[in-house]
Amino acid sequence: MSAKLNVNIDHVATIREARKTIEPSIITAAVICEQAGANGITVHLRGDRRHIQDRDIELLRDVVTTYLNVEMAATIEMTLIALDTRPDAVSLVPESPNEITTEGGLNVAENFVGIQSVTAQLKNAGIFVSHFIDPTLVQIEAAADSGAQQVELCTAEYAELTLASRAAHGEGAEKAKAELDRLARAAKYASELGLIVAAGHGLTYRNVGALAAIPEITEFNIGHNIISRAVFTGLYRAVEEMIALIR
């Protein structure tokens, strides 16, 4: 069975918020993604509300019929929102107000007590909990010990190394292969600890295939590249094409 695809639609909201208007509608985007075969919808509710808004989570909870995954920081504010709206899953992620996008994985090992507490609260409410982490044994073990049901391995380094300008050179290709091997080892170890394994961050139509061949990775969260392609091909077709590559 091929891995699942959750489409991150944050950047549909980014376009909307550029004009502070009502379009493009993330609700319409979610419906189109589901109709095209996506297994779920992912959004990141950031503290600064730069794209997704609180109301979006409420509306998506009512509309999404597959699987709603909300990425958020492990804060009191976000925990209360999750407990109120009850998405299917919450992915705990690191967050910095000055970053353009998420930079690396959550440091569960160094913030264990707080993350363990938030994880327990969410699980007690029947919400599936995932931790977005770097592919290291220390972080995988910490996520397992803190009660996470899934880890999402950060593929930022792999994505950076597979940019066309870098992958074309011999050394770049070797480094990309080494990072792919690291992700494969991490996925296997996480699976052995009883964790479900997902992957995401910076993945594209060009580099997802090699990761999809890792049997322990059963879910992908991909957004920016799909939304970028949709500008030219339409969202339905863009989602279909990504699903075909994962398969």
C-alpha atoms as a PDB file:
ATOM      1  CA  MET A   1       0.000   0.000   0.000  1.00  0.00           C
ATOM      2  CA  SER A   2       1.333   3.441  -0.911  1.00  0.00           C
ATOM      3  CA  ALA A   3       1.863   6.184   1.646  1.00  0.00           C
ATOM      4  CA  LYS A   4      -0.887   8.693   2.340  1.00  0.00           C
ATOM      5  CA  LEU A   5      -0.754  12.300   1.195  1.00  0.00           C
ATOM      6  CA  ASN A   6      -1.982  15.166   3.347  1.00  0.00           C
ATOM      7  CA  VAL A   7      -1.991  18.413   1.384  1.00  0.00           C
ATOM      8  CA  ASN A   8      -0.907  21.485   3.314  1.00  0.00           C
ATOM      9  CA  ILE A   9      -3.042  24.415   2.145  1.00  0.00           C
ATOM     10  CA  ASP A  10      -1.402  27.168   4.213  1.00  0.00           C
ATOM     11  CA  HIS A  11      -0.312  29.099   1.162  1.00  0.00           C
ATOM     12  CA  VAL A  12      -3.806  29.357  -0.225  1.00  0.00           C
ATOM     13  CA  ALA A  13      -4.429  31.369   2.934  1.00  0.00           C
ATOM     14  CA  THR A  14      -1.152  33.249   2.357  1.00  0.00           C
ATOM     15  CA  ILE A  15      -2.551  34.578  -0.923  1.00  0.00           C
ATOM     16  CA  ARG A  16      -5.838  35.474   0.757  1.00  0.00           C
ATOM     17  CA  GLU A  17      -4.123  37.294   3.623  1.00  0.00           C
ATOM     18  CA  ALA A  18      -2.004  39.330   1.192  1.00  0.00           C
ATOM     19  CA  ARG A  19      -5.169  41.330   0.497  1.00  0.00           C
ATOM     20  CA  LYS A  20      -7.052  40.543   3.739  1.00  0.00           C
ATOM     21  CA  THR A  21     -10.003  39.409   1.699  1.00  0.00           C
ATOM     22  CA  ILE A  22     -12.139  36.259   1.425  1.00  0.00           C
ATOM     23  CA  GLU A  23     -10.481  34.598  -1.546  1.00  0.00           C
ATOM     24  CA  PRO A  24      -9.016  32.260  -2.496  1.00  0.00           C
ATOM     25  CA  SER A  25     -11.126  30.143  -0.171  1.00  0.00           C
ATOM     26  CA  ILE A  26      -9.239  27.524   1.820  1.00  0.00           C
ATOM     27  CA  ILE A  27     -12.519  25.636   2.182  1.00  0.00           C
ATOM     28  CA  THR A  28     -12.773  25.299  -1.588  1.00  0.00           C
ATOM     29  CA  ALA A  29      -9.099  24.309  -1.672  1.00  0.00           C
ATOM     30  CA  ALA A  30      -9.665  21.575   0.910  1.00  0.00           C
ATOM     31  CA  VAL A  31     -12.648  20.171  -0.990  1.00  0.00           C
ATOM     32  CA  ILE A  32     -10.730  20.111  -4.286  1.00  0.00           C
ATOM     33  CA  CYS A  33      -7.776  18.340  -2.639  1.00  0.00           C
ATOM     34  CA  GLU A  34     -10.082  15.689  -1.210  1.00  0.00           C
ATOM     35  CA  GLN A  35     -11.879  15.240  -4.521  1.00  0.00           C
ATOM     36  CA  ALA A  36      -8.499  14.753  -6.218  1.00  0.00           C
ATOM     37  CA  GLY A  37      -7.690  11.904  -3.839  1.00  0.00           C
ATOM     38  CA  ALA A  38      -5.796  13.509  -0.964  1.00  0.00           C
ATOM     39  CA  ASN A  39      -5.992  11.486   2.227  1.00  0.00           C
ATOM     40  CA  GLY A  40      -6.065  14.526   4.446  1.00  0.00           C
ATOM     41  CA  ILE A  41      -5.674  18.276   4.847  1.00  0.00           C
ATOM     42  CA  THR A  42      -2.872  19.882   6.854  1.00  0.00           C
ATOM     43  CA  VAL A  43      -2.727  23.475   8.086  1.00  0.00           C
ATOM     44  CA  HIS A  44      -0.365  25.304  10.431  1.00  0.00           C
ATOM     45  CA  LEU A  45      -1.994  27.686  12.894  1.00  0.00           C
ATOM     46  CA  ARG A  46       0.906  29.959  13.771  1.00  0.00           C
ATOM     47  CA  GLY A  47       1.080  32.275  16.747  1.00  0.00           C
ATOM     48  CA  ASP A  48       1.340  35.322  14.467  1.00  0.00           C
ATOM     49  CA  ARG A  49      -1.606  34.123  12.293  1.00  0.00           C
ATOM     50  CA  ARG A  50       0.322  34.999   9.135  1.00  0.00           C
ATOM     51  CA  HIS A  51      -1.855  32.715   7.009  1.00  0.00           C
ATOM     52  CA  ILE A  52      -4.272  30.294   8.674  1.00  0.00           C
ATOM     53  CA  GLN A  53      -6.729  31.958  11.091  1.00  0.00           C
ATOM     54  CA  ASP A  54      -8.650  30.536  14.034  1.00  0.00           C
ATOM     55  CA  ARG A  55     -11.908  30.667  12.064  1.00  0.00           C
ATOM     56  CA  ASP A  56     -10.302  28.595   9.308  1.00  0.00           C
ATOM     57  CA  ILE A  57      -9.747  25.730  11.751  1.00  0.00           C
ATOM     58  CA  GLU A  58     -13.404  25.849  12.823  1.00  0.00           C
ATOM     59  CA  LEU A  59     -14.645  25.833   9.231  1.00  0.00           C
ATOM     60  CA  LEU A  60     -12.253  23.104   8.120  1.00  0.00           C
ATOM     61  CA  ARG A  61     -13.337  20.920  11.038  1.00  0.00           C
ATOM     62  CA  ASP A  62     -16.898  21.110   9.683  1.00  0.00           C
ATOM     63  CA  VAL A  63     -15.959  20.581   6.019  1.00  0.00           C
ATOM     64  CA  VAL A  64     -13.026  18.151   5.846  1.00  0.00           C
ATOM     65  CA  THR A  65     -14.319  14.602   5.437  1.00  0.00           C
ATOM     66  CA  THR A  66     -10.965  12.793   5.275  1.00  0.00           C
ATOM     67  CA  TYR A  67      -8.469  13.800   7.954  1.00  0.00           C
ATOM     68  CA  LEU A  68      -7.694  17.208   9.440  1.00  0.00           C
ATOM     69  CA  ASN A  69      -4.142  17.626  10.723  1.00  0.00           C
ATOM     70  CA  VAL A  70      -3.310  20.888  12.487  1.00  0.00           C
ATOM     71  CA  GLU A  71       0.309  21.858  13.011  1.00  0.00           C
ATOM     72  CA  MET A  72       0.910  24.051  16.050  1.00  0.00           C
ATOM     73  CA  ALA A  73       3.412  24.990  18.703  1.00  0.00           C
ATOM     74  CA  ALA A  74       3.233  23.274  22.087  1.00  0.00           C
ATOM     75  CA  THR A  75       1.798  26.317  23.882  1.00  0.00           C
ATOM     76  CA  ILE A  76      -1.147  26.794  26.224  1.00  0.00           C
ATOM     77  CA  GLU A  77      -2.945  28.945  23.642  1.00  0.00           C
ATOM     78  CA  MET A  78      -2.653  26.361  20.897  1.00  0.00           C
ATOM     79  CA  THR A  79      -3.510  23.457  23.168  1.00  0.00           C
ATOM     80  CA  LEU A  80      -6.762  25.146  24.177  1.00  0.00           C
ATOM     81  CA  ILE A  81      -7.659  25.787  20.529  1.00  0.00           C
ATOM     82  CA  ALA A  82      -7.015  22.147  19.664  1.00  0.00           C
ATOM     83  CA  LEU A  83      -9.084  20.923  22.606  1.00  0.00           C
ATOM     84  CA  ASP A  84     -11.929  23.181  21.499  1.00  0.00           C
ATOM     85  CA  THR A  85     -11.936  22.374  17.767  1.00  0.00           C
ATOM     86  CA  ARG A  86     -10.884  18.704  17.991  1.00  0.00           C
ATOM     87  CA  PRO A  87      -8.997  18.110  14.730  1.00  0.00           C
ATOM     88  CA  ASP A  88      -8.242  14.486  13.897  1.00  0.00           C
ATOM     89  CA  ALA A  89      -4.551  15.067  14.538  1.00  0.00           C
ATOM     90  CA  VAL A  90      -2.210  17.663  15.959  1.00  0.00           C
ATOM     91  CA  SER A  91       1.403  17.871  14.845  1.00  0.00           C
ATOM     92  CA  LEU A  92       3.550  19.661  17.388  1.00  0.00           C
ATOM     93  CA  VAL A  93       6.143  21.815  15.638  1.00  0.00           C
ATOM     94  CA  PRO A  94       8.772  24.374  16.669  1.00  0.00           C
ATOM     95  CA  GLU A  95       7.986  27.982  15.926  1.00  0.00           C
ATOM     96  CA  SER A  96       9.907  31.253  15.786  1.00  0.00           C
ATOM     97  CA  PRO A  97       8.212  34.580  14.942  1.00  0.00           C
ATOM     98  CA  ASN A  98      11.085  35.637  12.678  1.00  0.00           C
ATOM     99  CA  GLU A  99      11.280  32.502  10.532  1.00  0.00           C
ATOM    100  CA  ILE A 100       9.937  32.390   6.981  1.00  0.00           C
ATOM    101  CA  THR A 101       8.915  28.787   7.462  1.00  0.00           C
ATOM    102  CA  THR A 102       9.562  26.111  10.083  1.00  0.00           C
ATOM    103  CA  GLU A 103      13.308  25.716  10.584  1.00  0.00           C
ATOM    104  CA  GLY A 104      14.172  22.184  11.648  1.00  0.00           C
ATOM    105  CA  GLY A 105      12.422  19.807  13.979  1.00  0.00           C
ATOM    106  CA  LEU A 106      10.998  20.123  17.464  1.00  0.00           C
ATOM    107  CA  ASN A 107      13.592  19.608  20.177  1.00  0.00           C
ATOM    108  CA  VAL A 108      11.611  17.138  22.259  1.00  0.00           C
ATOM    109  CA  ALA A 109      14.637  15.999  24.259  1.00  0.00           C
ATOM    110  CA  GLU A 110      15.385  19.463  25.660  1.00  0.00           C
ATOM    111  CA  ASN A 111      11.742  20.448  26.187  1.00  0.00           C
ATOM    112  CA  PHE A 112      10.517  17.070  27.335  1.00  0.00           C
ATOM    113  CA  VAL A 113       8.278  17.952  30.289  1.00  0.00           C
ATOM    114  CA  GLY A 114       6.254  20.627  28.499  1.00  0.00           C
ATOM    115  CA  ILE A 115       5.842  18.583  25.320  1.00  0.00           C
ATOM    116  CA  GLN A 116       4.909  15.479  27.287  1.00  0.00           C
ATOM    117  CA  SER A 117       2.204  17.473  29.104  1.00  0.00           C
ATOM    118  CA  VAL A 118       0.687  18.877  25.913  1.00  0.00           C
ATOM    119  CA  THR A 119       0.851  15.461  24.245  1.00  0.00           C
ATOM    120  CA  ALA A 120      -1.023  13.865  27.143  1.00  0.00           C
ATOM    121  CA  GLN A 121      -3.740  16.533  27.146  1.00  0.00           C
ATOM    122  CA  LEU A 122      -4.365  16.103  23.435  1.00  0.00           C
ATOM    123  CA  LYS A 123      -4.365  12.309  23.576  1.00  0.00           C
ATOM    124  CA  ASN A 124      -6.772  12.347  26.513  1.00  0.00           C
ATOM    125  CA  ALA A 125      -9.156  14.345  24.321  1.00  0.00           C
ATOM    126  CA  GLY A 126      -8.969  11.683  21.605  1.00  0.00           C
ATOM    127  CA  ILE A 127      -6.672  13.675  19.308  1.00  0.00           C
ATOM    128  CA  PHE A 128      -3.906  11.814  17.478  1.00  0.00           C
ATOM    129  CA  VAL A 129      -0.513  13.387  18.277  1.00  0.00           C
ATOM    130  CA  SER A 130       2.499  13.633  16.002  1.00  0.00           C
ATOM    131  CA  HIS A 131       5.868  15.282  16.671  1.00  0.00           C
ATOM    132  CA  PHE A 132       7.735  16.993  13.838  1.00  0.00           C
ATOM    133  CA  ILE A 133      11.372  16.159  14.558  1.00  0.00           C
ATOM    134  CA  ASP A 134      14.801  15.932  12.991  1.00  0.00           C
ATOM    135  CA  PRO A 135      15.744  12.376  11.965  1.00  0.00           C
ATOM    136  CA  THR A 136      17.982  11.650  14.949  1.00  0.00           C
ATOM    137  CA  LEU A 137      17.819   8.737  17.371  1.00  0.00           C
ATOM    138  CA  VAL A 138      17.766  11.074  20.381  1.00  0.00           C
ATOM    139  CA  GLN A 139      14.687  12.939  19.175  1.00  0.00           C
ATOM    140  CA  ILE A 140      12.905   9.768  18.082  1.00  0.00           C
ATOM    141  CA  GLU A 141      13.422   8.218  21.512  1.00  0.00           C
ATOM    142  CA  ALA A 142      12.284  11.406  23.250  1.00  0.00           C
ATOM    143  CA  ALA A 143       9.136  11.544  21.107  1.00  0.00           C
ATOM    144  CA  ALA A 144       8.322   7.933  21.931  1.00  0.00           C
ATOM    145  CA  ASP A 145       8.954   8.464  25.644  1.00  0.00           C
ATOM    146  CA  SER A 146       6.768  11.586  25.692  1.00  0.00           C
ATOM    147  CA  GLY A 147       3.784   9.680  24.343  1.00  0.00           C
ATOM    148  CA  ALA A 148       3.733  10.678  20.676  1.00  0.00           C
ATOM    149  CA  GLN A 149       1.859   8.284  18.418  1.00  0.00           C
ATOM    150  CA  GLN A 150       3.671   9.420  15.290  1.00  0.00           C
ATOM    151  CA  VAL A 151       6.836  11.219  14.303  1.00  0.00           C
ATOM    152  CA  GLU A 152       7.079  13.317  11.177  1.00  0.00           C
ATOM    153  CA  LEU A 153      10.682  13.324  10.035  1.00  0.00           C
ATOM    154  CA  CYS A 154      11.912  16.724   8.897  1.00  0.00           C
ATOM    155  CA  THR A 155      13.131  16.428   5.313  1.00  0.00           C
ATOM    156  CA  ALA A 156      14.462  19.987   5.045  1.00  0.00           C
ATOM    157  CA  GLU A 157      18.100  18.935   4.658  1.00  0.00           C
ATOM    158  CA  TYR A 158      17.229  16.322   2.058  1.00  0.00           C
ATOM    159  CA  ALA A 159      15.091  18.831   0.173  1.00  0.00           C
ATOM    160  CA  GLU A 160      17.883  21.404   0.183  1.00  0.00           C
ATOM    161  CA  LEU A 161      20.397  18.865  -1.116  1.00  0.00           C
ATOM    162  CA  THR A 162      18.100  17.785  -3.950  1.00  0.00           C
ATOM    163  CA  LEU A 163      17.619  21.226  -5.424  1.00  0.00           C
ATOM    164  CA  ALA A 164      18.388  20.965  -9.119  1.00  0.00           C
ATOM    165  CA  SER A 165      21.395  23.297  -8.892  1.00  0.00           C
ATOM    166  CA  ARG A 166      23.029  21.138  -6.204  1.00  0.00           C
ATOM    167  CA  ALA A 167      21.959  17.643  -7.163  1.00  0.00           C
ATOM    168  CA  ALA A 168      23.559  18.053 -10.578  1.00  0.00           C
ATOM    169  CA  HIS A 169      27.030  17.879  -9.062  1.00  0.00           C
ATOM    170  CA  GLY A 170      28.634  14.653  -7.892  1.00  0.00           C
ATOM    171  CA  GLU A 171      29.303  15.806  -4.338  1.00  0.00           C
ATOM    172  CA  GLY A 172      25.758  17.135  -4.001  1.00  0.00           C
ATOM    173  CA  ALA A 173      24.301  13.833  -5.156  1.00  0.00           C
ATOM    174  CA  GLU A 174      26.441  11.943  -2.641  1.00  0.00           C
ATOM    175  CA  LYS A 175      25.311  14.169   0.222  1.00  0.00           C
ATOM    176  CA  ALA A 176      21.685  13.785  -0.827  1.00  0.00           C
ATOM    177  CA  LYS A 177      22.089  10.013  -0.850  1.00  0.00           C
ATOM    178  CA  ALA A 178      23.656  10.129   2.616  1.00  0.00           C
ATOM    179  CA  GLU A 179      20.735  12.172   3.949  1.00  0.00           C
ATOM    180  CA  LEU A 180      18.273   9.805   2.319  1.00  0.00           C
ATOM    181  CA  ASP A 181      20.005   6.918   4.077  1.00  0.00           C
ATOM    182  CA  ARG A 182      19.816   8.806   7.381  1.00  0.00           C
ATOM    183  CA  LEU A 183      16.072   9.302   6.918  1.00  0.00           C
ATOM    184  CA  ALA A 184      15.627   5.626   6.088  1.00  0.00           C
ATOM    185  CA  ARG A 185      17.487   4.564   9.241  1.00  0.00           C
ATOM    186  CA  ALA A 186      15.474   6.992  11.343  1.00  0.00           C
ATOM    187  CA  ALA A 187      12.196   5.755   9.873  1.00  0.00           C
ATOM    188  CA  LYS A 188      13.135   2.149  10.595  1.00  0.00           C
ATOM    189  CA  TYR A 189      14.145   2.919  14.175  1.00  0.00           C
ATOM    190  CA  ALA A 190      10.962   4.914  14.852  1.00  0.00           C
ATOM    191  CA  SER A 191       8.870   2.073  13.470  1.00  0.00           C
ATOM    192  CA  GLU A 192      10.696  -0.415  15.687  1.00  0.00           C
ATOM    193  CA  LEU A 193       9.748   1.738  18.693  1.00  0.00           C
ATOM    194  CA  GLY A 194       6.095   1.463  17.699  1.00  0.00           C
ATOM    195  CA  LEU A 195       5.745   4.926  16.174  1.00  0.00           C
ATOM    196  CA  ILE A 196       3.908   5.646  12.942  1.00  0.00           C
ATOM    197  CA  VAL A 197       6.267   7.478  10.594  1.00  0.00           C
ATOM    198  CA  ALA A 198       5.481  10.471   8.388  1.00  0.00           C
ATOM    199  CA  ALA A 199       7.762  12.835   6.480  1.00  0.00           C
ATOM    200  CA  GLY A 200       7.612  16.359   5.206  1.00  0.00           C
ATOM    201  CA  HIS A 201       9.175  19.774   4.631  1.00  0.00           C
ATOM    202  CA  GLY A 202      10.368  21.077   1.294  1.00  0.00           C
ATOM    203  CA  LEU A 203       9.359  17.980  -0.650  1.00  0.00           C
ATOM    204  CA  THR A 204       8.738  18.348  -4.368  1.00  0.00           C
ATOM    205  CA  TYR A 205       7.634  16.390  -7.406  1.00  0.00           C
ATOM    206  CA  ARG A 206      11.322  15.813  -8.161  1.00  0.00           C
ATOM    207  CA  ASN A 207      12.487  14.388  -4.826  1.00  0.00           C
ATOM    208  CA  VAL A 208       9.499  12.637  -3.227  1.00  0.00           C
ATOM    209  CA  GLY A 209       9.913   9.347  -5.094  1.00  0.00           C
ATOM    210  CA  ALA A 210      13.005   8.175  -3.238  1.00  0.00           C
ATOM    211  CA  LEU A 211      11.373   8.844   0.125  1.00  0.00           C
ATOM    212  CA  ALA A 212       8.160   7.127  -0.946  1.00  0.00           C
ATOM    213  CA  ALA A 213      10.230   3.987  -1.509  1.00  0.00           C
ATOM    214  CA  ILE A 214      11.071   3.816   2.218  1.00  0.00           C
ATOM    215  CA  PRO A 215       8.494   1.296   3.499  1.00  0.00           C
ATOM    216  CA  GLU A 216       8.276   2.665   7.042  1.00  0.00           C
ATOM    217  CA  ILE A 217       7.131   6.112   5.845  1.00  0.00           C
ATOM    218  CA  THR A 218       3.361   5.872   5.599  1.00  0.00           C
ATOM    219  CA  GLU A 219       2.364   9.534   5.300  1.00  0.00           C
ATOM    220  CA  PHE A 220       3.569  12.702   3.618  1.00  0.00           C
ATOM    221  CA  ASN A 221       2.625  16.294   4.392  1.00  0.00           C
ATOM    222  CA  ILE A 222       3.336  18.429   1.325  1.00  0.00           C
ATOM    223  CA  GLY A 223       2.143  21.937   0.609  1.00  0.00           C
ATOM    224  CA  HIS A 224       4.241  24.650  -0.996  1.00  0.00           C
ATOM    225  CA  ASN A 225       5.287  22.695  -4.077  1.00  0.00           C
ATOM    226  CA  ILE A 226       1.726  21.500  -4.753  1.00  0.00           C
ATOM    227  CA  ILE A 227       0.249  24.988  -4.385  1.00  0.00           C
ATOM    228  CA  SER A 228       3.038  26.414  -6.566  1.00  0.00           C
ATOM    229  CA  ARG A 229       2.311  23.904  -9.323  1.00  0.00           C
ATOM    230  CA  ALA A 230      -1.421  24.519  -8.981  1.00  0.00           C
ATOM    231  CA  VAL A 231      -0.870  28.107 -10.128  1.00  0.00           C
ATOM    232  CA  PHE A 232      -0.119  26.661 -13.561  1.00  0.00           C
ATOM    233  CA  THR A 233      -1.971  23.344 -13.684  1.00  0.00           C
ATOM    234  CA  GLY A 234      -4.912  23.784 -11.332  1.00  0.00           C
ATOM    235  CA  LEU A 235      -5.156  22.348  -7.831  1.00  0.00           C
ATOM    236  CA  TYR A 236      -6.994  19.138  -8.734  1.00  0.00           C
ATOM    237  CA  ARG A 237      -4.366  18.079 -11.255  1.00  0.00           C
ATOM    238  CA  ALA A 238      -1.488  19.137  -9.001  1.00  0.00           C
ATOM    239  CA  VAL A 239      -2.747  16.878  -6.206  1.00  0.00           C
ATOM    240  CA  GLU A 240      -3.329  13.977  -8.610  1.00  0.00           C
ATOM    241  CA  GLU A 241       0.229  14.255  -9.931  1.00  0.00           C
ATOM    242  CA  MET A 242       1.768  14.183  -6.454  1.00  0.00           C
ATOM    243  CA  ILE A 243      -0.293  11.145  -5.458  1.00  0.00           C
ATOM    244  CA  ALA A 244       0.868   9.341  -8.623  1.00  0.00           C
ATOM    245  CA  LEU A 245       4.511   9.994  -7.750  1.00  0.00           C
ATOM    246  CA  ILE A 246       4.100   8.729  -4.185  1.00  0.00           C
ATOM    247  CA  ARG A 247       2.506   5.555  -5.528  1.00  0.00           C
END
